Amino acid sequence: MTQNPAKARMLRGEAAIGVSVGLGSPYAAEILSRSGFDFVLVDLQHGAWDDNLAALAFRSIALGAAVVAGRELRKPPRPLSEA
């Protein structure tokens, strides 16, 4: 079973330092993964990602030492009149 060192650190009450990437660039995600962060978050909700680029980013992050994390793409927000 694959270990998640970032989660293990947080469960011990320690800080896990990560970075969010929204550039839409798997290359940037890989560079960040090799820069000493505990996790790299691919922000699909606010970033410039499509499905193919996000998949490539997950793969690229896995090449480094950081844990892959993702924020899901949500449906468009409802108008305030419906809130």
N, C-alpha and C. Protein backbone atom coordinates (compact mmCIF):
# COMPACT_ATOMS: atom_id res chain seq x y z
N MET A 1 0.84 -1.18 0.00
CA MET A 1 0.00 0.00 0.00
C MET A 1 0.89 1.25 0.00
N THR A 2 0.53 2.22 -0.81
CA THR A 2 1.30 3.45 -0.91
C THR A 2 1.10 4.31 0.34
N GLN A 3 2.19 4.81 0.86
CA GLN A 3 2.13 5.69 2.02
C GLN A 3 1.93 7.14 1.57
N ASN A 4 1.23 7.91 2.37
CA ASN A 4 1.02 9.33 2.11
C ASN A 4 1.72 10.11 3.22
N PRO A 5 2.99 10.51 2.98
CA PRO A 5 3.74 11.17 4.04
C PRO A 5 3.15 12.51 4.48
N ALA A 6 2.50 13.23 3.58
CA ALA A 6 1.88 14.50 3.96
C ALA A 6 0.74 14.26 4.95
N LYS A 7 -0.09 13.27 4.68
CA LYS A 7 -1.20 12.94 5.58
C LYS A 7 -0.67 12.44 6.93
N ALA A 8 0.36 11.62 6.88
CA ALA A 8 0.95 11.09 8.12
C ALA A 8 1.47 12.22 9.00
N ARG A 9 2.11 13.20 8.38
CA ARG A 9 2.61 14.35 9.15
C ARG A 9 1.47 15.10 9.81
N MET A 10 0.39 15.34 9.04
CA MET A 10 -0.75 16.08 9.60
C MET A 10 -1.42 15.29 10.73
N LEU A 11 -1.51 13.97 10.60
CA LEU A 11 -2.12 13.15 11.65
C LEU A 11 -1.28 13.16 12.92
N ARG A 12 0.02 13.39 12.80
CA ARG A 12 0.90 13.51 13.97
C ARG A 12 0.87 14.92 14.55
N GLY A 13 0.10 15.81 13.95
CA GLY A 13 0.02 17.19 14.42
C GLY A 13 1.12 18.08 13.88
N GLU A 14 1.85 17.60 12.90
CA GLU A 14 2.92 18.38 12.29
C GLU A 14 2.41 19.08 11.04
N ALA A 15 3.11 20.09 10.63
CA ALA A 15 2.73 20.82 9.42
C ALA A 15 3.19 20.08 8.17
N ALA A 16 2.33 20.06 7.18
CA ALA A 16 2.69 19.57 5.85
C ALA A 16 2.63 20.79 4.94
N ILE A 17 3.71 21.11 4.29
CA ILE A 17 3.81 22.30 3.47
C ILE A 17 3.55 21.93 2.01
N GLY A 18 2.59 22.62 1.40
CA GLY A 18 2.25 22.33 0.01
C GLY A 18 2.08 23.59 -0.80
N VAL A 19 1.81 23.38 -2.05
CA VAL A 19 1.64 24.49 -2.98
C VAL A 19 0.49 24.15 -3.93
N SER A 20 -0.24 25.17 -4.32
CA SER A 20 -1.33 25.02 -5.28
C SER A 20 -0.85 25.49 -6.64
N VAL A 21 -1.16 24.71 -7.67
CA VAL A 21 -0.76 25.08 -9.03
C VAL A 21 -2.02 25.18 -9.89
N GLY A 22 -2.16 26.31 -10.54
CA GLY A 22 -3.32 26.54 -11.39
C GLY A 22 -2.94 27.01 -12.78
N LEU A 23 -1.67 26.88 -13.11
CA LEU A 23 -1.15 27.40 -14.37
C LEU A 23 -1.60 26.62 -15.60
N GLY A 24 -2.08 25.39 -15.39
CA GLY A 24 -2.42 24.55 -16.53
C GLY A 24 -1.20 23.94 -17.18
N SER A 25 -0.10 23.88 -16.44
CA SER A 25 1.16 23.37 -17.00
C SER A 25 1.66 22.17 -16.21
N PRO A 26 1.63 20.97 -16.81
CA PRO A 26 2.21 19.81 -16.14
C PRO A 26 3.70 20.00 -15.83
N TYR A 27 4.39 20.76 -16.65
CA TYR A 27 5.82 21.02 -16.42
C TYR A 27 6.02 21.79 -15.12
N ALA A 28 5.20 22.81 -14.90
CA ALA A 28 5.29 23.58 -13.66
C ALA A 28 4.96 22.70 -12.46
N ALA A 29 3.96 21.83 -12.61
CA ALA A 29 3.59 20.92 -11.53
C ALA A 29 4.75 19.99 -11.18
N GLU A 30 5.44 19.48 -12.18
CA GLU A 30 6.58 18.59 -11.92
C GLU A 30 7.72 19.34 -11.23
N ILE A 31 8.00 20.53 -11.67
CA ILE A 31 9.06 21.33 -11.04
C ILE A 31 8.72 21.57 -9.57
N LEU A 32 7.47 21.92 -9.28
CA LEU A 32 7.06 22.14 -7.90
C LEU A 32 7.18 20.87 -7.07
N SER A 33 6.87 19.71 -7.68
CA SER A 33 6.96 18.44 -6.97
C SER A 33 8.40 18.11 -6.58
N ARG A 34 9.34 18.62 -7.33
CA ARG A 34 10.75 18.35 -7.06
C ARG A 34 11.41 19.48 -6.26
N SER A 35 10.58 20.39 -5.70
CA SER A 35 11.11 21.57 -5.01
C SER A 35 11.03 21.49 -3.50
N GLY A 36 10.72 20.32 -2.96
CA GLY A 36 10.75 20.16 -1.51
C GLY A 36 9.41 20.29 -0.81
N PHE A 37 8.34 20.47 -1.54
CA PHE A 37 7.02 20.55 -0.92
C PHE A 37 6.53 19.15 -0.54
N ASP A 38 5.69 19.08 0.49
CA ASP A 38 5.11 17.80 0.89
C ASP A 38 4.00 17.37 -0.07
N PHE A 39 3.26 18.33 -0.61
CA PHE A 39 2.20 18.01 -1.57
C PHE A 39 2.07 19.13 -2.59
N VAL A 40 1.55 18.78 -3.76
CA VAL A 40 1.23 19.74 -4.82
C VAL A 40 -0.24 19.56 -5.14
N LEU A 41 -1.01 20.63 -5.00
CA LEU A 41 -2.45 20.61 -5.24
C LEU A 41 -2.74 21.14 -6.64
N VAL A 42 -3.35 20.31 -7.47
CA VAL A 42 -3.79 20.74 -8.80
C VAL A 42 -5.20 21.33 -8.62
N ASP A 43 -5.32 22.62 -8.80
CA ASP A 43 -6.57 23.33 -8.55
C ASP A 43 -7.43 23.37 -9.80
N LEU A 44 -8.28 22.36 -9.95
CA LEU A 44 -9.17 22.28 -11.12
C LEU A 44 -10.30 23.30 -11.05
N GLN A 45 -10.63 23.72 -9.83
CA GLN A 45 -11.74 24.66 -9.68
C GLN A 45 -11.36 26.07 -10.13
N HIS A 46 -10.18 26.52 -9.76
CA HIS A 46 -9.78 27.89 -10.07
C HIS A 46 -8.67 27.99 -11.10
N GLY A 47 -8.08 26.88 -11.47
CA GLY A 47 -6.94 26.90 -12.38
C GLY A 47 -7.33 26.76 -13.84
N ALA A 48 -6.32 26.81 -14.68
CA ALA A 48 -6.51 26.74 -16.14
C ALA A 48 -6.23 25.32 -16.62
N TRP A 49 -7.00 24.34 -16.11
CA TRP A 49 -6.77 22.94 -16.44
C TRP A 49 -7.91 22.38 -17.26
N ASP A 50 -7.58 21.51 -18.21
CA ASP A 50 -8.61 20.67 -18.82
C ASP A 50 -8.30 19.25 -18.37
N ASP A 51 -9.12 18.29 -18.75
CA ASP A 51 -8.95 16.92 -18.25
C ASP A 51 -7.60 16.32 -18.63
N ASN A 52 -7.17 16.53 -19.87
CA ASN A 52 -5.90 15.96 -20.32
C ASN A 52 -4.71 16.57 -19.59
N LEU A 53 -4.70 17.89 -19.44
CA LEU A 53 -3.60 18.54 -18.75
C LEU A 53 -3.55 18.15 -17.28
N ALA A 54 -4.72 18.01 -16.66
CA ALA A 54 -4.77 17.61 -15.25
C ALA A 54 -4.19 16.21 -15.09
N ALA A 55 -4.57 15.29 -15.97
CA ALA A 55 -4.03 13.93 -15.90
C ALA A 55 -2.52 13.93 -16.06
N LEU A 56 -2.02 14.73 -16.99
CA LEU A 56 -0.57 14.84 -17.17
C LEU A 56 0.10 15.45 -15.94
N ALA A 57 -0.57 16.42 -15.32
CA ALA A 57 -0.01 17.05 -14.12
C ALA A 57 0.08 16.04 -12.97
N PHE A 58 -0.98 15.22 -12.79
CA PHE A 58 -0.94 14.21 -11.73
C PHE A 58 0.24 13.26 -11.95
N ARG A 59 0.40 12.85 -13.20
CA ARG A 59 1.51 11.95 -13.54
C ARG A 59 2.86 12.63 -13.30
N SER A 60 2.96 13.89 -13.68
CA SER A 60 4.21 14.63 -13.53
C SER A 60 4.56 14.83 -12.06
N ILE A 61 3.56 15.13 -11.24
CA ILE A 61 3.81 15.31 -9.81
C ILE A 61 4.31 14.01 -9.19
N ALA A 62 3.74 12.90 -9.62
CA ALA A 62 4.14 11.59 -9.08
C ALA A 62 5.59 11.26 -9.38
N LEU A 63 6.20 11.91 -10.37
CA LEU A 63 7.61 11.69 -10.67
C LEU A 63 8.52 12.28 -9.61
N GLY A 64 8.02 13.26 -8.87
CA GLY A 64 8.81 13.89 -7.82
C GLY A 64 8.49 13.28 -6.47
N ALA A 65 8.89 13.97 -5.40
CA ALA A 65 8.71 13.45 -4.05
C ALA A 65 7.39 13.88 -3.42
N ALA A 66 6.71 14.86 -3.98
CA ALA A 66 5.48 15.38 -3.37
C ALA A 66 4.30 14.45 -3.60
N VAL A 67 3.34 14.55 -2.70
CA VAL A 67 2.07 13.83 -2.82
C VAL A 67 1.17 14.61 -3.77
N VAL A 68 0.45 13.88 -4.61
CA VAL A 68 -0.50 14.50 -5.53
C VAL A 68 -1.79 14.81 -4.78
N ALA A 69 -2.29 16.03 -4.93
CA ALA A 69 -3.58 16.41 -4.36
C ALA A 69 -4.35 17.16 -5.44
N GLY A 70 -5.66 17.14 -5.34
CA GLY A 70 -6.47 17.83 -6.34
C GLY A 70 -7.70 18.47 -5.74
N ARG A 71 -8.09 19.59 -6.27
CA ARG A 71 -9.35 20.23 -5.91
C ARG A 71 -10.28 20.02 -7.09
N GLU A 72 -11.45 19.46 -6.81
CA GLU A 72 -12.37 19.10 -7.87
C GLU A 72 -12.94 20.30 -8.61
N LEU A 73 -13.29 20.05 -9.85
CA LEU A 73 -13.97 21.04 -10.66
C LEU A 73 -15.44 21.01 -10.28
N ARG A 74 -15.96 22.12 -9.84
CA ARG A 74 -17.35 22.18 -9.41
C ARG A 74 -18.22 22.73 -10.52
N LYS A 75 -19.49 22.48 -10.37
CA LYS A 75 -20.46 23.02 -11.32
C LYS A 75 -20.45 24.54 -11.20
N PRO A 76 -20.87 25.25 -12.24
CA PRO A 76 -20.92 26.71 -12.13
C PRO A 76 -21.76 27.15 -10.95
N PRO A 77 -21.39 28.25 -10.30
CA PRO A 77 -22.16 28.71 -9.16
C PRO A 77 -23.59 29.11 -9.57
N ARG A 78 -24.49 28.96 -8.62
CA ARG A 78 -25.87 29.36 -8.86
C ARG A 78 -25.99 30.88 -8.76
N PRO A 79 -26.94 31.45 -9.47
CA PRO A 79 -27.17 32.90 -9.30
C PRO A 79 -27.59 33.21 -7.86
N LEU A 80 -27.25 34.39 -7.39
CA LEU A 80 -27.61 34.78 -6.03
C LEU A 80 -29.11 34.68 -5.76
N SER A 81 -29.91 34.89 -6.80
CA SER A 81 -31.37 34.82 -6.61
C SER A 81 -31.83 33.41 -6.24
N GLU A 82 -31.00 32.38 -6.54
CA GLU A 82 -31.35 31.00 -6.22
C GLU A 82 -30.70 30.52 -4.93
N ALA A 83 -29.86 31.34 -4.34
CA ALA A 83 -29.13 30.92 -3.13
C ALA A 83 -30.02 30.92 -1.90
